Amino acid sequence: IKVITLGDTSTHRYQSPHTTDIALDAAIFKR
């Protein structure tokens, strides 16, 4: 049994430090 005490929580929305905008396109059917 292990106890982990939570610190002060933030109300800010989480954002990944490596967020990059990726343009998503549908794959082109070539068959």
ModelCIF file with pLDDT and N, C-alpha, C, O atoms, coordinates in Angstrom:
data_MODEL
#
_entry.id   MODEL 
#
_entity.id                         1 
_entity.type                       polymer 
_entity.pdbx_number_of_molecules   1 
#
_entity_poly.entity_id                      1 
_entity_poly.type                           'polypeptide(L)' 
_entity_poly.nstd_linkage                   no 
_entity_poly.nstd_monomer                   no 
_entity_poly.pdbx_seq_one_letter_code       IKVITLGDTSTHRYQSPHTTDIALDAAIFKR 
_entity_poly.pdbx_seq_one_letter_code_can   IKVITLGDTSTHRYQSPHTTDIALDAAIFKR 
_entity_poly.pdbx_strand_id                 A 
#
loop_
_entity_poly_seq.entity_id 
_entity_poly_seq.num 
_entity_poly_seq.mon_id 
_entity_poly_seq.hetero 
1 1  ILE n 
1 2  LYS n 
1 3  VAL n 
1 4  ILE n 
1 5  THR n 
1 6  LEU n 
1 7  GLY n 
1 8  ASP n 
1 9  THR n 
1 10 SER n 
1 11 THR n 
1 12 HIS n 
1 13 ARG n 
1 14 TYR n 
1 15 GLN n 
1 16 SER n 
1 17 PRO n 
1 18 HIS n 
1 19 THR n 
1 20 THR n 
1 21 ASP n 
1 22 ILE n 
1 23 ALA n 
1 24 LEU n 
1 25 ASP n 
1 26 ALA n 
1 27 ALA n 
1 28 ILE n 
1 29 PHE n 
1 30 LYS n 
1 31 ARG n 
#
_struct_asym.id          A 
_struct_asym.entity_id   1 
#
loop_
_ma_qa_metric.id 
_ma_qa_metric.mode 
_ma_qa_metric.name 
_ma_qa_metric.software_group_id 
_ma_qa_metric.type 
1 global pLDDT . pLDDT 
2 local  pLDDT . pLDDT 
#
_ma_qa_metric_global.metric_id      1 
_ma_qa_metric_global.metric_value   81.45 
_ma_qa_metric_global.model_id       1 
_ma_qa_metric_global.ordinal_id     1 
#
loop_
_ma_qa_metric_local.label_asym_id 
_ma_qa_metric_local.label_comp_id 
_ma_qa_metric_local.label_seq_id 
_ma_qa_metric_local.metric_id 
_ma_qa_metric_local.metric_value 
_ma_qa_metric_local.model_id 
_ma_qa_metric_local.ordinal_id 
A ILE 1  2 89.00 1 1  
A LYS 2  2 88.00 1 2  
A VAL 3  2 87.00 1 3  
A ILE 4  2 85.00 1 4  
A THR 5  2 83.00 1 5  
A LEU 6  2 81.00 1 6  
A GLY 7  2 77.00 1 7  
A ASP 8  2 72.00 1 8  
A THR 9  2 73.00 1 9  
A SER 10 2 75.00 1 10 
A THR 11 2 79.00 1 11 
A HIS 12 2 82.00 1 12 
A ARG 13 2 83.00 1 13 
A TYR 14 2 76.00 1 14 
A GLN 15 2 77.00 1 15 
A SER 16 2 76.00 1 16 
A PRO 17 2 78.00 1 17 
A HIS 18 2 73.00 1 18 
A THR 19 2 65.00 1 19 
A THR 20 2 71.00 1 20 
A ASP 21 2 75.00 1 21 
A ILE 22 2 80.00 1 22 
A ALA 23 2 84.00 1 23 
A LEU 24 2 87.00 1 24 
A ASP 25 2 89.00 1 25 
A ALA 26 2 90.00 1 26 
A ALA 27 2 90.00 1 27 
A ILE 28 2 91.00 1 28 
A PHE 29 2 90.00 1 29 
A LYS 30 2 90.00 1 30 
A ARG 31 2 89.00 1 31 
#
loop_
_atom_site.group_PDB 
_atom_site.id 
_atom_site.type_symbol 
_atom_site.label_atom_id 
_atom_site.label_alt_id 
_atom_site.label_comp_id 
_atom_site.label_asym_id 
_atom_site.label_entity_id 
_atom_site.label_seq_id 
_atom_site.pdbx_PDB_ins_code 
_atom_site.Cartn_x 
_atom_site.Cartn_y 
_atom_site.Cartn_z 
_atom_site.occupancy 
_atom_site.B_iso_or_equiv 
_atom_site.pdbx_formal_charge 
_atom_site.auth_seq_id 
_atom_site.auth_comp_id 
_atom_site.auth_asym_id 
_atom_site.auth_atom_id 
_atom_site.pdbx_PDB_model_num 
ATOM 1   N N  . ILE A 1 1  ? 0.855  -1.183 0.000   1.00 89.00 ? 1  ILE A N  1 
ATOM 2   C CA . ILE A 1 1  ? 0.000  0.000  0.000   1.00 89.00 ? 1  ILE A CA 1 
ATOM 3   C C  . ILE A 1 1  ? 0.893  1.236  0.000   1.00 89.00 ? 1  ILE A C  1 
ATOM 4   O O  . ILE A 1 1  ? 1.778  1.382  0.843   1.00 89.00 ? 1  ILE A O  1 
ATOM 5   N N  . LYS A 1 2  ? 0.641  2.128  -0.968  1.00 88.00 ? 2  LYS A N  1 
ATOM 6   C CA . LYS A 1 2  ? 1.410  3.355  -1.098  1.00 88.00 ? 2  LYS A CA 1 
ATOM 7   C C  . LYS A 1 2  ? 0.446  4.529  -1.176  1.00 88.00 ? 2  LYS A C  1 
ATOM 8   O O  . LYS A 1 2  ? -0.598 4.442  -1.822  1.00 88.00 ? 2  LYS A O  1 
ATOM 9   N N  . VAL A 1 3  ? 0.806  5.640  -0.507  1.00 87.00 ? 3  VAL A N  1 
ATOM 10  C CA . VAL A 1 3  ? -0.032 6.828  -0.490  1.00 87.00 ? 3  VAL A CA 1 
ATOM 11  C C  . VAL A 1 3  ? 0.658  7.931  -1.271  1.00 87.00 ? 3  VAL A C  1 
ATOM 12  O O  . VAL A 1 3  ? 1.829  8.231  -1.042  1.00 87.00 ? 3  VAL A O  1 
ATOM 13  N N  . ILE A 1 4  ? -0.070 8.525  -2.185  1.00 85.00 ? 4  ILE A N  1 
ATOM 14  C CA . ILE A 1 4  ? 0.427  9.659  -2.973  1.00 85.00 ? 4  ILE A CA 1 
ATOM 15  C C  . ILE A 1 4  ? -0.473 10.847 -2.668  1.00 85.00 ? 4  ILE A C  1 
ATOM 16  O O  . ILE A 1 4  ? -1.677 10.801 -2.919  1.00 85.00 ? 4  ILE A O  1 
ATOM 17  N N  . THR A 1 5  ? 0.120  11.923 -2.119  1.00 83.00 ? 5  THR A N  1 
ATOM 18  C CA . THR A 1 5  ? -0.653 13.114 -1.770  1.00 83.00 ? 5  THR A CA 1 
ATOM 19  C C  . THR A 1 5  ? -0.671 14.062 -2.953  1.00 83.00 ? 5  THR A C  1 
ATOM 20  O O  . THR A 1 5  ? 0.372  14.409 -3.508  1.00 83.00 ? 5  THR A O  1 
ATOM 21  N N  . LEU A 1 6  ? -1.857 14.470 -3.324  1.00 81.00 ? 6  LEU A N  1 
ATOM 22  C CA . LEU A 1 6  ? -1.993 15.391 -4.444  1.00 81.00 ? 6  LEU A CA 1 
ATOM 23  C C  . LEU A 1 6  ? -1.714 16.814 -3.990  1.00 81.00 ? 6  LEU A C  1 
ATOM 24  O O  . LEU A 1 6  ? -2.144 17.236 -2.916  1.00 81.00 ? 6  LEU A O  1 
ATOM 25  N N  . GLY A 1 7  ? -0.981 17.553 -4.833  1.00 77.00 ? 7  GLY A N  1 
ATOM 26  C CA . GLY A 1 7  ? -0.719 18.946 -4.535  1.00 77.00 ? 7  GLY A CA 1 
ATOM 27  C C  . GLY A 1 7  ? -1.842 19.832 -5.006  1.00 77.00 ? 7  GLY A C  1 
ATOM 28  O O  . GLY A 1 7  ? -2.953 19.365 -5.255  1.00 77.00 ? 7  GLY A O  1 
ATOM 29  N N  . ASP A 1 8  ? -1.554 21.104 -5.127  1.00 72.00 ? 8  ASP A N  1 
ATOM 30  C CA . ASP A 1 8  ? -2.557 22.053 -5.604  1.00 72.00 ? 8  ASP A CA 1 
ATOM 31  C C  . ASP A 1 8  ? -2.897 21.744 -7.061  1.00 72.00 ? 8  ASP A C  1 
ATOM 32  O O  . ASP A 1 8  ? -2.008 21.561 -7.892  1.00 72.00 ? 8  ASP A O  1 
ATOM 33  N N  . THR A 1 9  ? -4.157 21.690 -7.348  1.00 73.00 ? 9  THR A N  1 
ATOM 34  C CA . THR A 1 9  ? -4.604 21.413 -8.712  1.00 73.00 ? 9  THR A CA 1 
ATOM 35  C C  . THR A 1 9  ? -4.792 22.710 -9.476  1.00 73.00 ? 9  THR A C  1 
ATOM 36  O O  . THR A 1 9  ? -5.139 23.739 -8.896  1.00 73.00 ? 9  THR A O  1 
ATOM 37  N N  . SER A 1 10 ? -4.564 22.656 -10.770 1.00 75.00 ? 10 SER A N  1 
ATOM 38  C CA . SER A 1 10 ? -4.702 23.827 -11.623 1.00 75.00 ? 10 SER A CA 1 
ATOM 39  C C  . SER A 1 10 ? -5.995 23.727 -12.420 1.00 75.00 ? 10 SER A C  1 
ATOM 40  O O  . SER A 1 10 ? -6.419 22.646 -12.829 1.00 75.00 ? 10 SER A O  1 
ATOM 41  N N  . THR A 1 11 ? -6.600 24.876 -12.624 1.00 79.00 ? 11 THR A N  1 
ATOM 42  C CA . THR A 1 11 ? -7.843 24.916 -13.401 1.00 79.00 ? 11 THR A CA 1 
ATOM 43  C C  . THR A 1 11 ? -7.575 25.139 -14.888 1.00 79.00 ? 11 THR A C  1 
ATOM 44  O O  . THR A 1 11 ? -8.509 25.161 -15.690 1.00 79.00 ? 11 THR A O  1 
ATOM 45  N N  . HIS A 1 12 ? -6.300 25.304 -15.261 1.00 82.00 ? 12 HIS A N  1 
ATOM 46  C CA . HIS A 1 12 ? -5.962 25.529 -16.666 1.00 82.00 ? 12 HIS A CA 1 
ATOM 47  C C  . HIS A 1 12 ? -6.060 24.218 -17.435 1.00 82.00 ? 12 HIS A C  1 
ATOM 48  O O  . HIS A 1 12 ? -5.742 23.146 -16.918 1.00 82.00 ? 12 HIS A O  1 
ATOM 49  N N  . ARG A 1 13 ? -6.502 24.330 -18.663 1.00 83.00 ? 13 ARG A N  1 
ATOM 50  C CA . ARG A 1 13 ? -6.646 23.162 -19.506 1.00 83.00 ? 13 ARG A CA 1 
ATOM 51  C C  . ARG A 1 13 ? -5.273 22.623 -19.900 1.00 83.00 ? 13 ARG A C  1 
ATOM 52  O O  . ARG A 1 13 ? -4.375 23.386 -20.256 1.00 83.00 ? 13 ARG A O  1 
ATOM 53  N N  . TYR A 1 14 ? -5.125 21.336 -19.836 1.00 76.00 ? 14 TYR A N  1 
ATOM 54  C CA . TYR A 1 14 ? -3.835 20.715 -20.150 1.00 76.00 ? 14 TYR A CA 1 
ATOM 55  C C  . TYR A 1 14 ? -3.556 20.821 -21.637 1.00 76.00 ? 14 TYR A C  1 
ATOM 56  O O  . TYR A 1 14 ? -4.432 20.605 -22.475 1.00 76.00 ? 14 TYR A O  1 
ATOM 57  N N  . GLN A 1 15 ? -2.294 21.166 -21.946 1.00 77.00 ? 15 GLN A N  1 
ATOM 58  C CA . GLN A 1 15 ? -1.841 21.214 -23.328 1.00 77.00 ? 15 GLN A CA 1 
ATOM 59  C C  . GLN A 1 15 ? -0.502 20.497 -23.418 1.00 77.00 ? 15 GLN A C  1 
ATOM 60  O O  . GLN A 1 15 ? 0.402  20.734 -22.617 1.00 77.00 ? 15 GLN A O  1 
ATOM 61  N N  . SER A 1 16 ? -0.394 19.642 -24.380 1.00 76.00 ? 16 SER A N  1 
ATOM 62  C CA . SER A 1 16 ? 0.853  18.906 -24.566 1.00 76.00 ? 16 SER A CA 1 
ATOM 63  C C  . SER A 1 16 ? 1.968  19.867 -24.950 1.00 76.00 ? 16 SER A C  1 
ATOM 64  O O  . SER A 1 16 ? 1.743  20.774 -25.751 1.00 76.00 ? 16 SER A O  1 
ATOM 65  N N  . PRO A 1 17 ? 3.187  19.688 -24.389 1.00 78.00 ? 17 PRO A N  1 
ATOM 66  C CA . PRO A 1 17 ? 4.288  20.615 -24.725 1.00 78.00 ? 17 PRO A CA 1 
ATOM 67  C C  . PRO A 1 17 ? 4.755  20.498 -26.166 1.00 78.00 ? 17 PRO A C  1 
ATOM 68  O O  . PRO A 1 17 ? 5.468  21.378 -26.648 1.00 78.00 ? 17 PRO A O  1 
ATOM 69  N N  . HIS A 1 18 ? 4.376  19.442 -26.865 1.00 73.00 ? 18 HIS A N  1 
ATOM 70  C CA . HIS A 1 18 ? 4.828  19.235 -28.233 1.00 73.00 ? 18 HIS A CA 1 
ATOM 71  C C  . HIS A 1 18 ? 3.644  19.243 -29.202 1.00 73.00 ? 18 HIS A C  1 
ATOM 72  O O  . HIS A 1 18 ? 3.619  18.480 -30.168 1.00 73.00 ? 18 HIS A O  1 
ATOM 73  N N  . THR A 1 19 ? 2.689  20.089 -28.942 1.00 65.00 ? 19 THR A N  1 
ATOM 74  C CA . THR A 1 19 ? 1.526  20.134 -29.830 1.00 65.00 ? 19 THR A CA 1 
ATOM 75  C C  . THR A 1 19 ? 1.878  20.845 -31.122 1.00 65.00 ? 19 THR A C  1 
ATOM 76  O O  . THR A 1 19 ? 2.419  21.951 -31.115 1.00 65.00 ? 19 THR A O  1 
ATOM 77  N N  . THR A 1 20 ? 1.573  20.215 -32.196 1.00 71.00 ? 20 THR A N  1 
ATOM 78  C CA . THR A 1 20 ? 1.763  20.809 -33.523 1.00 71.00 ? 20 THR A CA 1 
ATOM 79  C C  . THR A 1 20 ? 0.505  20.557 -34.340 1.00 71.00 ? 20 THR A C  1 
ATOM 80  O O  . THR A 1 20 ? -0.112 19.494 -34.267 1.00 71.00 ? 20 THR A O  1 
ATOM 81  N N  . ASP A 1 21 ? 0.152  21.560 -35.110 1.00 75.00 ? 21 ASP A N  1 
ATOM 82  C CA . ASP A 1 21 ? -1.023 21.429 -35.959 1.00 75.00 ? 21 ASP A CA 1 
ATOM 83  C C  . ASP A 1 21 ? -0.692 20.555 -37.164 1.00 75.00 ? 21 ASP A C  1 
ATOM 84  O O  . ASP A 1 21 ? 0.176  20.894 -37.967 1.00 75.00 ? 21 ASP A O  1 
ATOM 85  N N  . ILE A 1 22 ? -1.381 19.446 -37.279 1.00 80.00 ? 22 ILE A N  1 
ATOM 86  C CA . ILE A 1 22 ? -1.151 18.516 -38.378 1.00 80.00 ? 22 ILE A CA 1 
ATOM 87  C C  . ILE A 1 22 ? -2.360 18.553 -39.296 1.00 80.00 ? 22 ILE A C  1 
ATOM 88  O O  . ILE A 1 22 ? -3.499 18.357 -38.871 1.00 80.00 ? 22 ILE A O  1 
ATOM 89  N N  . ALA A 1 23 ? -2.085 18.806 -40.544 1.00 84.00 ? 23 ALA A N  1 
ATOM 90  C CA . ALA A 1 23 ? -3.177 18.818 -41.527 1.00 84.00 ? 23 ALA A CA 1 
ATOM 91  C C  . ALA A 1 23 ? -3.531 17.379 -41.886 1.00 84.00 ? 23 ALA A C  1 
ATOM 92  O O  . ALA A 1 23 ? -2.683 16.607 -42.333 1.00 84.00 ? 23 ALA A O  1 
ATOM 93  N N  . LEU A 1 24 ? -4.781 17.043 -41.684 1.00 87.00 ? 24 LEU A N  1 
ATOM 94  C CA . LEU A 1 24 ? -5.241 15.689 -41.945 1.00 87.00 ? 24 LEU A CA 1 
ATOM 95  C C  . LEU A 1 24 ? -6.002 15.657 -43.269 1.00 87.00 ? 24 LEU A C  1 
ATOM 96  O O  . LEU A 1 24 ? -6.920 16.447 -43.494 1.00 87.00 ? 24 LEU A O  1 
ATOM 97  N N  . ASP A 1 25 ? -5.612 14.751 -44.119 1.00 89.00 ? 25 ASP A N  1 
ATOM 98  C CA . ASP A 1 25 ? -6.275 14.577 -45.410 1.00 89.00 ? 25 ASP A CA 1 
ATOM 99  C C  . ASP A 1 25 ? -6.640 13.118 -45.580 1.00 89.00 ? 25 ASP A C  1 
ATOM 100 O O  . ASP A 1 25 ? -5.951 12.224 -45.089 1.00 89.00 ? 25 ASP A O  1 
ATOM 101 N N  . ALA A 1 26 ? -7.724 12.896 -46.277 1.00 90.00 ? 26 ALA A N  1 
ATOM 102 C CA . ALA A 1 26 ? -8.119 11.525 -46.561 1.00 90.00 ? 26 ALA A CA 1 
ATOM 103 C C  . ALA A 1 26 ? -7.134 10.910 -47.548 1.00 90.00 ? 26 ALA A C  1 
ATOM 104 O O  . ALA A 1 26 ? -6.657 11.582 -48.463 1.00 90.00 ? 26 ALA A O  1 
ATOM 105 N N  . ALA A 1 27 ? -6.837 9.643  -47.360 1.00 90.00 ? 27 ALA A N  1 
ATOM 106 C CA . ALA A 1 27 ? -5.928 8.941  -48.258 1.00 90.00 ? 27 ALA A CA 1 
ATOM 107 C C  . ALA A 1 27 ? -6.543 8.841  -49.648 1.00 90.00 ? 27 ALA A C  1 
ATOM 108 O O  . ALA A 1 27 ? -7.756 8.692  -49.796 1.00 90.00 ? 27 ALA A O  1 
ATOM 109 N N  . ILE A 1 28 ? -5.708 8.922  -50.638 1.00 91.00 ? 28 ILE A N  1 
ATOM 110 C CA . ILE A 1 28 ? -6.160 8.832  -52.028 1.00 91.00 ? 28 ILE A CA 1 
ATOM 111 C C  . ILE A 1 28 ? -6.157 7.372  -52.461 1.00 91.00 ? 28 ILE A C  1 
ATOM 112 O O  . ILE A 1 28 ? -5.152 6.670  -52.346 1.00 91.00 ? 28 ILE A O  1 
ATOM 113 N N  . PHE A 1 29 ? -7.283 6.945  -52.950 1.00 90.00 ? 29 PHE A N  1 
ATOM 114 C CA . PHE A 1 29 ? -7.412 5.553  -53.379 1.00 90.00 ? 29 PHE A CA 1 
ATOM 115 C C  . PHE A 1 29 ? -6.745 5.391  -54.746 1.00 90.00 ? 29 PHE A C  1 
ATOM 116 O O  . PHE A 1 29 ? -7.143 6.036  -55.716 1.00 90.00 ? 29 PHE A O  1 
ATOM 117 N N  . LYS A 1 30 ? -5.743 4.540  -54.817 1.00 90.00 ? 30 LYS A N  1 
ATOM 118 C CA . LYS A 1 30 ? -4.981 4.352  -56.043 1.00 90.00 ? 30 LYS A CA 1 
ATOM 119 C C  . LYS A 1 30 ? -5.130 2.958  -56.638 1.00 90.00 ? 30 LYS A C  1 
ATOM 120 O O  . LYS A 1 30 ? -4.650 2.702  -57.743 1.00 90.00 ? 30 LYS A O  1 
ATOM 121 N N  . ARG A 1 31 ? -5.781 2.067  -55.929 1.00 89.00 ? 31 ARG A N  1 
ATOM 122 C CA . ARG A 1 31 ? -5.946 0.720  -56.453 1.00 89.00 ? 31 ARG A CA 1 
ATOM 123 C C  . ARG A 1 31 ? -6.974 0.692  -57.576 1.00 89.00 ? 31 ARG A C  1 
ATOM 124 O O  . ARG A 1 31 ? -7.243 -0.369 -58.140 1.00 89.00 ? 31 ARG A O  1 
#
